[in-house]
Amino acid sequence: VYLYIIYRLNTRNNFYNRSFNKSL
């Protein structure tokens, strides 16, 4: 869950892939 939050805060991609983040 911590990694999920960090990826969401750090990503600079306009096409944010939520499925990939959930996999992380």
mmCIF file of all heavy atoms, coordinates in Angstrom:
data_MODEL
# 
_entry.id   MODEL 
# 
loop_
_atom_site.group_PDB 
_atom_site.id 
_atom_site.type_symbol 
_atom_site.label_atom_id 
_atom_site.label_alt_id 
_atom_site.label_comp_id 
_atom_site.label_asym_id 
_atom_site.label_entity_id 
_atom_site.label_seq_id 
_atom_site.pdbx_PDB_ins_code 
_atom_site.Cartn_x 
_atom_site.Cartn_y 
_atom_site.Cartn_z 
_atom_site.occupancy 
_atom_site.B_iso_or_equiv 
_atom_site.pdbx_formal_charge 
_atom_site.auth_seq_id 
_atom_site.auth_comp_id 
_atom_site.auth_asym_id 
_atom_site.auth_atom_id 
_atom_site.pdbx_PDB_model_num 
ATOM 1   N N   . VAL A 1 1  ? 0.839   -1.205 0.000   1.00 0.00 ? 1  VAL A N   1 
ATOM 2   C CA  . VAL A 1 1  ? 0.000   0.000  0.000   1.00 0.00 ? 1  VAL A CA  1 
ATOM 3   C C   . VAL A 1 1  ? 0.874   1.255  0.000   1.00 0.00 ? 1  VAL A C   1 
ATOM 4   O O   . VAL A 1 1  ? 0.570   2.242  -0.672  1.00 0.00 ? 1  VAL A O   1 
ATOM 5   C CB  . VAL A 1 1  ? -0.948  -0.013 1.217   1.00 0.00 ? 1  VAL A CB  1 
ATOM 6   C CG1 . VAL A 1 1  ? -1.697  1.310  1.325   1.00 0.00 ? 1  VAL A CG1 1 
ATOM 7   C CG2 . VAL A 1 1  ? -1.935  -1.173 1.112   1.00 0.00 ? 1  VAL A CG2 1 
ATOM 8   N N   . TYR A 1 2  ? 1.958   1.191  0.765   1.00 0.00 ? 2  TYR A N   1 
ATOM 9   C CA  . TYR A 1 2  ? 2.907   2.310  0.791   1.00 0.00 ? 2  TYR A CA  1 
ATOM 10  C C   . TYR A 1 2  ? 3.475   2.561  -0.610  1.00 0.00 ? 2  TYR A C   1 
ATOM 11  O O   . TYR A 1 2  ? 3.546   3.705  -1.070  1.00 0.00 ? 2  TYR A O   1 
ATOM 12  C CB  . TYR A 1 2  ? 4.034   2.000  1.774   1.00 0.00 ? 2  TYR A CB  1 
ATOM 13  C CG  . TYR A 1 2  ? 5.174   2.996  1.750   1.00 0.00 ? 2  TYR A CG  1 
ATOM 14  C CD1 . TYR A 1 2  ? 5.074   4.206  2.428   1.00 0.00 ? 2  TYR A CD1 1 
ATOM 15  C CD2 . TYR A 1 2  ? 6.342   2.728  1.039   1.00 0.00 ? 2  TYR A CD2 1 
ATOM 16  C CE1 . TYR A 1 2  ? 6.107   5.123  2.401   1.00 0.00 ? 2  TYR A CE1 1 
ATOM 17  C CE2 . TYR A 1 2  ? 7.378   3.640  1.010   1.00 0.00 ? 2  TYR A CE2 1 
ATOM 18  C CZ  . TYR A 1 2  ? 7.260   4.829  1.689   1.00 0.00 ? 2  TYR A CZ  1 
ATOM 19  O OH  . TYR A 1 2  ? 8.294   5.738  1.657   1.00 0.00 ? 2  TYR A OH  1 
ATOM 20  N N   . LEU A 1 3  ? 3.836   1.487  -1.306  1.00 0.00 ? 3  LEU A N   1 
ATOM 21  C CA  . LEU A 1 3  ? 4.362   1.615  -2.665  1.00 0.00 ? 3  LEU A CA  1 
ATOM 22  C C   . LEU A 1 3  ? 3.299   2.164  -3.615  1.00 0.00 ? 3  LEU A C   1 
ATOM 23  O O   . LEU A 1 3  ? 3.605   2.958  -4.516  1.00 0.00 ? 3  LEU A O   1 
ATOM 24  C CB  . LEU A 1 3  ? 4.869   0.254  -3.149  1.00 0.00 ? 3  LEU A CB  1 
ATOM 25  C CG  . LEU A 1 3  ? 5.477   0.202  -4.552  1.00 0.00 ? 3  LEU A CG  1 
ATOM 26  C CD1 . LEU A 1 3  ? 6.647   1.168  -4.656  1.00 0.00 ? 3  LEU A CD1 1 
ATOM 27  C CD2 . LEU A 1 3  ? 5.936   -1.209 -4.881  1.00 0.00 ? 3  LEU A CD2 1 
ATOM 28  N N   . TYR A 1 4  ? 2.057   1.753  -3.411  1.00 0.00 ? 4  TYR A N   1 
ATOM 29  C CA  . TYR A 1 4  ? 0.939   2.259  -4.214  1.00 0.00 ? 4  TYR A CA  1 
ATOM 30  C C   . TYR A 1 4  ? 0.840   3.787  -4.101  1.00 0.00 ? 4  TYR A C   1 
ATOM 31  O O   . TYR A 1 4  ? 0.681   4.496  -5.101  1.00 0.00 ? 4  TYR A O   1 
ATOM 32  C CB  . TYR A 1 4  ? -0.361  1.602  -3.741  1.00 0.00 ? 4  TYR A CB  1 
ATOM 33  C CG  . TYR A 1 4  ? -1.607  2.065  -4.449  1.00 0.00 ? 4  TYR A CG  1 
ATOM 34  C CD1 . TYR A 1 4  ? -2.085  1.391  -5.565  1.00 0.00 ? 4  TYR A CD1 1 
ATOM 35  C CD2 . TYR A 1 4  ? -2.319  3.170  -3.995  1.00 0.00 ? 4  TYR A CD2 1 
ATOM 36  C CE1 . TYR A 1 4  ? -3.236  1.811  -6.220  1.00 0.00 ? 4  TYR A CE1 1 
ATOM 37  C CE2 . TYR A 1 4  ? -3.467  3.600  -4.643  1.00 0.00 ? 4  TYR A CE2 1 
ATOM 38  C CZ  . TYR A 1 4  ? -3.923  2.919  -5.751  1.00 0.00 ? 4  TYR A CZ  1 
ATOM 39  O OH  . TYR A 1 4  ? -5.052  3.350  -6.388  1.00 0.00 ? 4  TYR A OH  1 
ATOM 40  N N   . ILE A 1 5  ? 0.955   4.294  -2.868  1.00 0.00 ? 5  ILE A N   1 
ATOM 41  C CA  . ILE A 1 5  ? 0.852   5.739  -2.638  1.00 0.00 ? 5  ILE A CA  1 
ATOM 42  C C   . ILE A 1 5  ? 2.036   6.477  -3.255  1.00 0.00 ? 5  ILE A C   1 
ATOM 43  O O   . ILE A 1 5  ? 1.875   7.528  -3.892  1.00 0.00 ? 5  ILE A O   1 
ATOM 44  C CB  . ILE A 1 5  ? 0.768   6.018  -1.126  1.00 0.00 ? 5  ILE A CB  1 
ATOM 45  C CG1 . ILE A 1 5  ? -0.516  5.395  -0.547  1.00 0.00 ? 5  ILE A CG1 1 
ATOM 46  C CG2 . ILE A 1 5  ? 0.789   7.523  -0.848  1.00 0.00 ? 5  ILE A CG2 1 
ATOM 47  C CD1 . ILE A 1 5  ? -0.613  5.480  0.954   1.00 0.00 ? 5  ILE A CD1 1 
ATOM 48  N N   . ILE A 1 6  ? 3.248   5.923  -3.082  1.00 0.00 ? 6  ILE A N   1 
ATOM 49  C CA  . ILE A 1 6  ? 4.444   6.569  -3.617  1.00 0.00 ? 6  ILE A CA  1 
ATOM 50  C C   . ILE A 1 6  ? 4.392   6.640  -5.136  1.00 0.00 ? 6  ILE A C   1 
ATOM 51  O O   . ILE A 1 6  ? 4.713   7.675  -5.734  1.00 0.00 ? 6  ILE A O   1 
ATOM 52  C CB  . ILE A 1 6  ? 5.716   5.819  -3.154  1.00 0.00 ? 6  ILE A CB  1 
ATOM 53  C CG1 . ILE A 1 6  ? 5.866   5.932  -1.638  1.00 0.00 ? 6  ILE A CG1 1 
ATOM 54  C CG2 . ILE A 1 6  ? 6.948   6.378  -3.857  1.00 0.00 ? 6  ILE A CG2 1 
ATOM 55  C CD1 . ILE A 1 6  ? 5.981   7.347  -1.132  1.00 0.00 ? 6  ILE A CD1 1 
ATOM 56  N N   . TYR A 1 7  ? 3.950   5.558  -5.766  1.00 0.00 ? 7  TYR A N   1 
ATOM 57  C CA  . TYR A 1 7  ? 3.867   5.560  -7.234  1.00 0.00 ? 7  TYR A CA  1 
ATOM 58  C C   . TYR A 1 7  ? 2.863   6.599  -7.728  1.00 0.00 ? 7  TYR A C   1 
ATOM 59  O O   . TYR A 1 7  ? 3.113   7.298  -8.702  1.00 0.00 ? 7  TYR A O   1 
ATOM 60  C CB  . TYR A 1 7  ? 3.478   4.165  -7.737  1.00 0.00 ? 7  TYR A CB  1 
ATOM 61  C CG  . TYR A 1 7  ? 3.329   4.073  -9.227  1.00 0.00 ? 7  TYR A CG  1 
ATOM 62  C CD1 . TYR A 1 7  ? 4.443   3.930  -10.054 1.00 0.00 ? 7  TYR A CD1 1 
ATOM 63  C CD2 . TYR A 1 7  ? 2.066   4.137  -9.836  1.00 0.00 ? 7  TYR A CD2 1 
ATOM 64  C CE1 . TYR A 1 7  ? 4.315   3.846  -11.430 1.00 0.00 ? 7  TYR A CE1 1 
ATOM 65  C CE2 . TYR A 1 7  ? 1.934   4.062  -11.213 1.00 0.00 ? 7  TYR A CE2 1 
ATOM 66  C CZ  . TYR A 1 7  ? 3.057   3.920  -11.997 1.00 0.00 ? 7  TYR A CZ  1 
ATOM 67  O OH  . TYR A 1 7  ? 2.916   3.851  -13.359 1.00 0.00 ? 7  TYR A OH  1 
ATOM 68  N N   . ARG A 1 8  ? 1.737   6.694  -7.024  1.00 0.00 ? 8  ARG A N   1 
ATOM 69  C CA  . ARG A 1 8  ? 0.704   7.666  -7.433  1.00 0.00 ? 8  ARG A CA  1 
ATOM 70  C C   . ARG A 1 8  ? 1.193   9.100  -7.271  1.00 0.00 ? 8  ARG A C   1 
ATOM 71  O O   . ARG A 1 8  ? 0.900   9.968  -8.087  1.00 0.00 ? 8  ARG A O   1 
ATOM 72  C CB  . ARG A 1 8  ? -0.571  7.451  -6.609  1.00 0.00 ? 8  ARG A CB  1 
ATOM 73  C CG  . ARG A 1 8  ? -1.746  8.320  -7.094  1.00 0.00 ? 8  ARG A CG  1 
ATOM 74  C CD  . ARG A 1 8  ? -2.131  7.902  -8.485  1.00 0.00 ? 8  ARG A CD  1 
ATOM 75  N NE  . ARG A 1 8  ? -3.146  8.762  -9.073  1.00 0.00 ? 8  ARG A NE  1 
ATOM 76  C CZ  . ARG A 1 8  ? -2.889  9.787  -9.862  1.00 0.00 ? 8  ARG A CZ  1 
ATOM 77  N NH1 . ARG A 1 8  ? -1.639  10.100 -10.167 1.00 0.00 ? 8  ARG A NH1 1 
ATOM 78  N NH2 . ARG A 1 8  ? -3.855  10.506 -10.379 1.00 0.00 ? 8  ARG A NH2 1 
ATOM 79  N N   . LEU A 1 9  ? 1.959   9.366  -6.211  1.00 0.00 ? 9  LEU A N   1 
ATOM 80  C CA  . LEU A 1 9  ? 2.461   10.709 -5.975  1.00 0.00 ? 9  LEU A CA  1 
ATOM 81  C C   . LEU A 1 9  ? 3.597   11.067 -6.929  1.00 0.00 ? 9  LEU A C   1 
ATOM 82  O O   . LEU A 1 9  ? 3.750   12.223 -7.323  1.00 0.00 ? 9  LEU A O   1 
ATOM 83  C CB  . LEU A 1 9  ? 2.954   10.847 -4.527  1.00 0.00 ? 9  LEU A CB  1 
ATOM 84  C CG  . LEU A 1 9  ? 1.895   10.752 -3.426  1.00 0.00 ? 9  LEU A CG  1 
ATOM 85  C CD1 . LEU A 1 9  ? 2.565   10.812 -2.058  1.00 0.00 ? 9  LEU A CD1 1 
ATOM 86  C CD2 . LEU A 1 9  ? 0.868   11.878 -3.555  1.00 0.00 ? 9  LEU A CD2 1 
ATOM 87  N N   . ASN A 1 10 ? 4.378   10.094 -7.315  1.00 0.00 ? 10 ASN A N   1 
ATOM 88  C CA  . ASN A 1 10 ? 5.585   10.359 -8.095  1.00 0.00 ? 10 ASN A CA  1 
ATOM 89  C C   . ASN A 1 10 ? 5.391   10.290 -9.595  1.00 0.00 ? 10 ASN A C   1 
ATOM 90  O O   . ASN A 1 10 ? 6.175   10.859 -10.346 1.00 0.00 ? 10 ASN A O   1 
ATOM 91  C CB  . ASN A 1 10 ? 6.701   9.386  -7.690  1.00 0.00 ? 10 ASN A CB  1 
ATOM 92  C CG  . ASN A 1 10 ? 7.998   9.658  -8.413  1.00 0.00 ? 10 ASN A CG  1 
ATOM 93  O OD1 . ASN A 1 10 ? 8.417   8.896  -9.281  1.00 0.00 ? 10 ASN A OD1 1 
ATOM 94  N ND2 . ASN A 1 10 ? 8.662   10.750 -8.067  1.00 0.00 ? 10 ASN A ND2 1 
ATOM 95  N N   . THR A 1 11 ? 4.348   9.606  -10.036 1.00 0.00 ? 11 THR A N   1 
ATOM 96  C CA  . THR A 1 11 ? 4.188   9.415  -11.477 1.00 0.00 ? 11 THR A CA  1 
ATOM 97  C C   . THR A 1 11 ? 3.965   10.743 -12.178 1.00 0.00 ? 11 THR A C   1 
ATOM 98  O O   . THR A 1 11 ? 3.255   11.623 -11.690 1.00 0.00 ? 11 THR A O   1 
ATOM 99  C CB  . THR A 1 11 ? 3.011   8.467  -11.785 1.00 0.00 ? 11 THR A CB  1 
ATOM 100 O OG1 . THR A 1 11 ? 2.937   8.277  -13.193 1.00 0.00 ? 11 THR A OG1 1 
ATOM 101 C CG2 . THR A 1 11 ? 1.695   9.040  -11.277 1.00 0.00 ? 11 THR A CG2 1 
ATOM 102 N N   . ARG A 1 12 ? 4.611   10.872 -13.331 1.00 0.00 ? 12 ARG A N   1 
ATOM 103 C CA  . ARG A 1 12 ? 4.462   12.074 -14.152 1.00 0.00 ? 12 ARG A CA  1 
ATOM 104 C C   . ARG A 1 12 ? 3.730   11.747 -15.453 1.00 0.00 ? 12 ARG A C   1 
ATOM 105 O O   . ARG A 1 12 ? 3.653   12.566 -16.352 1.00 0.00 ? 12 ARG A O   1 
ATOM 106 C CB  . ARG A 1 12 ? 5.847   12.651 -14.488 1.00 0.00 ? 12 ARG A CB  1 
ATOM 107 C CG  . ARG A 1 12 ? 6.597   13.152 -13.265 1.00 0.00 ? 12 ARG A CG  1 
ATOM 108 C CD  . ARG A 1 12 ? 5.962   14.412 -12.712 1.00 0.00 ? 12 ARG A CD  1 
ATOM 109 N NE  . ARG A 1 12 ? 6.725   14.963 -11.613 1.00 0.00 ? 12 ARG A NE  1 
ATOM 110 C CZ  . ARG A 1 12 ? 6.478   14.708 -10.336 1.00 0.00 ? 12 ARG A CZ  1 
ATOM 111 N NH1 . ARG A 1 12 ? 5.488   13.915 -10.009 1.00 0.00 ? 12 ARG A NH1 1 
ATOM 112 N NH2 . ARG A 1 12 ? 7.217   15.264 -9.394  1.00 0.00 ? 12 ARG A NH2 1 
ATOM 113 N N   . ASN A 1 13 ? 3.212   10.559 -15.532 1.00 0.00 ? 13 ASN A N   1 
ATOM 114 C CA  . ASN A 1 13 ? 2.553   10.117 -16.760 1.00 0.00 ? 13 ASN A CA  1 
ATOM 115 C C   . ASN A 1 13 ? 1.122   10.638 -16.801 1.00 0.00 ? 13 ASN A C   1 
ATOM 116 O O   . ASN A 1 13 ? 0.353   10.445 -15.868 1.00 0.00 ? 13 ASN A O   1 
ATOM 117 C CB  . ASN A 1 13 ? 2.554   8.585  -16.819 1.00 0.00 ? 13 ASN A CB  1 
ATOM 118 C CG  . ASN A 1 13 ? 2.168   8.074  -18.190 1.00 0.00 ? 13 ASN A CG  1 
ATOM 119 O OD1 . ASN A 1 13 ? 1.686   8.833  -19.026 1.00 0.00 ? 13 ASN A OD1 1 
ATOM 120 N ND2 . ASN A 1 13 ? 2.393   6.808  -18.422 1.00 0.00 ? 13 ASN A ND2 1 
ATOM 121 N N   . ASN A 1 14 ? 0.767   11.349 -17.876 1.00 0.00 ? 14 ASN A N   1 
ATOM 122 C CA  . ASN A 1 14 ? -0.599  11.860 -17.998 1.00 0.00 ? 14 ASN A CA  1 
ATOM 123 C C   . ASN A 1 14 ? -1.614  10.732 -18.105 1.00 0.00 ? 14 ASN A C   1 
ATOM 124 O O   . ASN A 1 14 ? -2.759  10.871 -17.702 1.00 0.00 ? 14 ASN A O   1 
ATOM 125 C CB  . ASN A 1 14 ? -0.705  12.778 -19.216 1.00 0.00 ? 14 ASN A CB  1 
ATOM 126 C CG  . ASN A 1 14 ? 0.103   14.048 -19.034 1.00 0.00 ? 14 ASN A CG  1 
ATOM 127 O OD1 . ASN A 1 14 ? 0.259   14.536 -17.922 1.00 0.00 ? 14 ASN A OD1 1 
ATOM 128 N ND2 . ASN A 1 14 ? 0.621   14.584 -20.123 1.00 0.00 ? 14 ASN A ND2 1 
ATOM 129 N N   . PHE A 1 15 ? -1.190  9.587  -18.660 1.00 0.00 ? 15 PHE A N   1 
ATOM 130 C CA  . PHE A 1 15 ? -2.069  8.436  -18.786 1.00 0.00 ? 15 PHE A CA  1 
ATOM 131 C C   . PHE A 1 15 ? -1.770  7.486  -17.628 1.00 0.00 ? 15 PHE A C   1 
ATOM 132 O O   . PHE A 1 15 ? -1.167  6.434  -17.815 1.00 0.00 ? 15 PHE A O   1 
ATOM 133 C CB  . PHE A 1 15 ? -1.855  7.754  -20.139 1.00 0.00 ? 15 PHE A CB  1 
ATOM 134 C CG  . PHE A 1 15 ? -2.138  8.658  -21.298 1.00 0.00 ? 15 PHE A CG  1 
ATOM 135 C CD1 . PHE A 1 15 ? -1.113  9.315  -21.953 1.00 0.00 ? 15 PHE A CD1 1 
ATOM 136 C CD2 . PHE A 1 15 ? -3.436  8.870  -21.729 1.00 0.00 ? 15 PHE A CD2 1 
ATOM 137 C CE1 . PHE A 1 15 ? -1.368  10.154 -23.021 1.00 0.00 ? 15 PHE A CE1 1 
ATOM 138 C CE2 . PHE A 1 15 ? -3.701  9.703  -22.794 1.00 0.00 ? 15 PHE A CE2 1 
ATOM 139 C CZ  . PHE A 1 15 ? -2.667  10.348 -23.441 1.00 0.00 ? 15 PHE A CZ  1 
ATOM 140 N N   . TYR A 1 16 ? -2.189  7.878  -16.435 1.00 0.00 ? 16 TYR A N   1 
ATOM 141 C CA  . TYR A 1 16 ? -1.929  7.097  -15.234 1.00 0.00 ? 16 TYR A CA  1 
ATOM 142 C C   . TYR A 1 16 ? -2.644  5.757  -15.313 1.00 0.00 ? 16 TYR A C   1 
ATOM 143 O O   . TYR A 1 16 ? -3.851  5.699  -15.545 1.00 0.00 ? 16 TYR A O   1 
ATOM 144 C CB  . TYR A 1 16 ? -2.394  7.888  -14.008 1.00 0.00 ? 16 TYR A CB  1 
ATOM 145 C CG  . TYR A 1 16 ? -2.460  7.090  -12.738 1.00 0.00 ? 16 TYR A CG  1 
ATOM 146 C CD1 . TYR A 1 16 ? -1.301  6.629  -12.127 1.00 0.00 ? 16 TYR A CD1 1 
ATOM 147 C CD2 . TYR A 1 16 ? -3.687  6.792  -12.143 1.00 0.00 ? 16 TYR A CD2 1 
ATOM 148 C CE1 . TYR A 1 16 ? -1.352  5.902  -10.956 1.00 0.00 ? 16 TYR A CE1 1 
ATOM 149 C CE2 . TYR A 1 16 ? -3.749  6.075  -10.970 1.00 0.00 ? 16 TYR A CE2 1 
ATOM 150 C CZ  . TYR A 1 16 ? -2.585  5.631  -10.380 1.00 0.00 ? 16 TYR A CZ  1 
ATOM 151 O OH  . TYR A 1 16 ? -2.633  4.903  -9.217  1.00 0.00 ? 16 TYR A OH  1 
ATOM 152 N N   . ASN A 1 17 ? -1.885  4.678  -15.119 1.00 0.00 ? 17 ASN A N   1 
ATOM 153 C CA  . ASN A 1 17 ? -2.421  3.327  -15.216 1.00 0.00 ? 17 ASN A CA  1 
ATOM 154 C C   . ASN A 1 17 ? -2.732  2.821  -13.814 1.00 0.00 ? 17 ASN A C   1 
ATOM 155 O O   . ASN A 1 17 ? -1.844  2.371  -13.083 1.00 0.00 ? 17 ASN A O   1 
ATOM 156 C CB  . ASN A 1 17 ? -1.409  2.408  -15.915 1.00 0.00 ? 17 ASN A CB  1 
ATOM 157 C CG  . ASN A 1 17 ? -2.028  1.077  -16.292 1.00 0.00 ? 17 ASN A CG  1 
ATOM 158 O OD1 . ASN A 1 17 ? -3.036  0.649  -15.730 1.00 0.00 ? 17 ASN A OD1 1 
ATOM 159 N ND2 . ASN A 1 17 ? -1.420  0.404  -17.257 1.00 0.00 ? 17 ASN A ND2 1 
ATOM 160 N N   . ARG A 1 18 ? -3.985  2.903  -13.432 1.00 0.00 ? 18 ARG A N   1 
ATOM 161 C CA  . ARG A 1 18 ? -4.363  2.484  -12.090 1.00 0.00 ? 18 ARG A CA  1 
ATOM 162 C C   . ARG A 1 18 ? -4.221  0.972  -11.915 1.00 0.00 ? 18 ARG A C   1 
ATOM 163 O O   . ARG A 1 18 ? -3.866  0.499  -10.833 1.00 0.00 ? 18 ARG A O   1 
ATOM 164 C CB  . ARG A 1 18 ? -5.808  2.908  -11.807 1.00 0.00 ? 18 ARG A CB  1 
ATOM 165 C CG  . ARG A 1 18 ? -6.239  2.649  -10.368 1.00 0.00 ? 18 ARG A CG  1 
ATOM 166 C CD  . ARG A 1 18 ? -7.676  3.054  -10.135 1.00 0.00 ? 18 ARG A CD  1 
ATOM 167 N NE  . ARG A 1 18 ? -8.078  2.790  -8.768  1.00 0.00 ? 18 ARG A NE  1 
ATOM 168 C CZ  . ARG A 1 18 ? -9.316  2.928  -8.316  1.00 0.00 ? 18 ARG A CZ  1 
ATOM 169 N NH1 . ARG A 1 18 ? -10.269 3.346  -9.139  1.00 0.00 ? 18 ARG A NH1 1 
ATOM 170 N NH2 . ARG A 1 18 ? -9.603  2.662  -7.068  1.00 0.00 ? 18 ARG A NH2 1 
ATOM 171 N N   . SER A 1 19 ? -4.493  0.210  -12.960 1.00 0.00 ? 19 SER A N   1 
ATOM 172 C CA  . SER A 1 19 ? -4.368  -1.246 -12.876 1.00 0.00 ? 19 SER A CA  1 
ATOM 173 C C   . SER A 1 19 ? -2.934  -1.656 -12.575 1.00 0.00 ? 19 SER A C   1 
ATOM 174 O O   . SER A 1 19 ? -2.683  -2.564 -11.773 1.00 0.00 ? 19 SER A O   1 
ATOM 175 C CB  . SER A 1 19 ? -4.834  -1.890 -14.188 1.00 0.00 ? 19 SER A CB  1 
ATOM 176 O OG  . SER A 1 19 ? -6.200  -1.622 -14.426 1.00 0.00 ? 19 SER A OG  1 
ATOM 177 N N   . PHE A 1 20 ? -1.974  -0.994 -13.214 1.00 0.00 ? 20 PHE A N   1 
ATOM 178 C CA  . PHE A 1 20 ? -0.565  -1.285 -12.953 1.00 0.00 ? 20 PHE A CA  1 
ATOM 179 C C   . PHE A 1 20 ? -0.213  -0.947 -11.510 1.00 0.00 ? 20 PHE A C   1 
ATOM 180 O O   . PHE A 1 20 ? 0.511   -1.696 -10.835 1.00 0.00 ? 20 PHE A O   1 
ATOM 181 C CB  . PHE A 1 20 ? 0.320   -0.492 -13.913 1.00 0.00 ? 20 PHE A CB  1 
ATOM 182 C CG  . PHE A 1 20 ? 1.792   -0.680 -13.676 1.00 0.00 ? 20 PHE A CG  1 
ATOM 183 C CD1 . PHE A 1 20 ? 2.442   -1.819 -14.124 1.00 0.00 ? 20 PHE A CD1 1 
ATOM 184 C CD2 . PHE A 1 20 ? 2.528   0.276  -12.992 1.00 0.00 ? 20 PHE A CD2 1 
ATOM 185 C CE1 . PHE A 1 20 ? 3.802   -2.000 -13.904 1.00 0.00 ? 20 PHE A CE1 1 
ATOM 186 C CE2 . PHE A 1 20 ? 3.883   0.107  -12.766 1.00 0.00 ? 20 PHE A CE2 1 
ATOM 187 C CZ  . PHE A 1 20 ? 4.523   -1.036 -13.230 1.00 0.00 ? 20 PHE A CZ  1 
ATOM 188 N N   . ASN A 1 21 ? -0.735  0.159  -11.007 1.00 0.00 ? 21 ASN A N   1 
ATOM 189 C CA  . ASN A 1 21 ? -0.441  0.560  -9.631  1.00 0.00 ? 21 ASN A CA  1 
ATOM 190 C C   . ASN A 1 21 ? -1.034  -0.429 -8.634  1.00 0.00 ? 21 ASN A C   1 
ATOM 191 O O   . ASN A 1 21 ? -0.412  -0.743 -7.614  1.00 0.00 ? 21 ASN A O   1 
ATOM 192 C CB  . ASN A 1 21 ? -0.988  1.967  -9.373  1.00 0.00 ? 21 ASN A CB  1 
ATOM 193 C CG  . ASN A 1 21 ? -0.328  2.625  -8.178  1.00 0.00 ? 21 ASN A CG  1 
ATOM 194 O OD1 . ASN A 1 21 ? 0.628   2.100  -7.599  1.00 0.00 ? 21 ASN A OD1 1 
ATOM 195 N ND2 . ASN A 1 21 ? -0.817  3.780  -7.800  1.00 0.00 ? 21 ASN A ND2 1 
ATOM 196 N N   . LYS A 1 22 ? -2.232  -0.926 -8.920  1.00 0.00 ? 22 LYS A N   1 
ATOM 197 C CA  . LYS A 1 22 ? -2.823  -1.928 -8.042  1.00 0.00 ? 22 LYS A CA  1 
ATOM 198 C C   . LYS A 1 22 ? -2.005  -3.212 -8.048  1.00 0.00 ? 22 LYS A C   1 
ATOM 199 O O   . LYS A 1 22 ? -1.871  -3.880 -7.019  1.00 0.00 ? 22 LYS A O   1 
ATOM 200 C CB  . LYS A 1 22 ? -4.273  -2.216 -8.463  1.00 0.00 ? 22 LYS A CB  1 
ATOM 201 C CG  . LYS A 1 22 ? -5.232  -1.076 -8.166  1.00 0.00 ? 22 LYS A CG  1 
ATOM 202 C CD  . LYS A 1 22 ? -6.678  -1.494 -8.336  1.00 0.00 ? 22 LYS A CD  1 
ATOM 203 C CE  . LYS A 1 22 ? -7.002  -1.814 -9.778  1.00 0.00 ? 22 LYS A CE  1 
ATOM 204 N NZ  . LYS A 1 22 ? -8.438  -2.121 -9.966  1.00 0.00 ? 22 LYS A NZ  1 
ATOM 205 N N   . SER A 1 23 ? -1.442  -3.538 -9.199  1.00 0.00 ? 23 SER A N   1 
ATOM 206 C CA  . SER A 1 23 ? -0.578  -4.720 -9.279  1.00 0.00 ? 23 SER A CA  1 
ATOM 207 C C   . SER A 1 23 ? 0.661   -4.554 -8.409  1.00 0.00 ? 23 SER A C   1 
ATOM 208 O O   . SER A 1 23 ? 1.123   -5.513 -7.773  1.00 0.00 ? 23 SER A O   1 
ATOM 209 C CB  . SER A 1 23 ? -0.160  -4.968 -10.731 1.00 0.00 ? 23 SER A CB  1 
ATOM 210 O OG  . SER A 1 23 ? -1.285  -5.195 -11.549 1.00 0.00 ? 23 SER A OG  1 
ATOM 211 N N   . LEU A 1 24 ? 1.197   -3.341 -8.362  1.00 0.00 ? 24 LEU A N   1 
ATOM 212 C CA  . LEU A 1 24 ? 2.362   -3.077 -7.512  1.00 0.00 ? 24 LEU A CA  1 
ATOM 213 C C   . LEU A 1 24 ? 2.047   -3.323 -6.041  1.00 0.00 ? 24 LEU A C   1 
ATOM 214 O O   . LEU A 1 24 ? 2.896   -3.800 -5.283  1.00 0.00 ? 24 LEU A O   1 
ATOM 215 C CB  . LEU A 1 24 ? 2.829   -1.625 -7.697  1.00 0.00 ? 24 LEU A CB  1 
ATOM 216 C CG  . LEU A 1 24 ? 3.416   -1.246 -9.057  1.00 0.00 ? 24 LEU A CG  1 
ATOM 217 C CD1 . LEU A 1 24 ? 3.796   0.233  -9.065  1.00 0.00 ? 24 LEU A CD1 1 
ATOM 218 C CD2 . LEU A 1 24 ? 4.626   -2.102 -9.387  1.00 0.00 ? 24 LEU A CD2 1 
# 
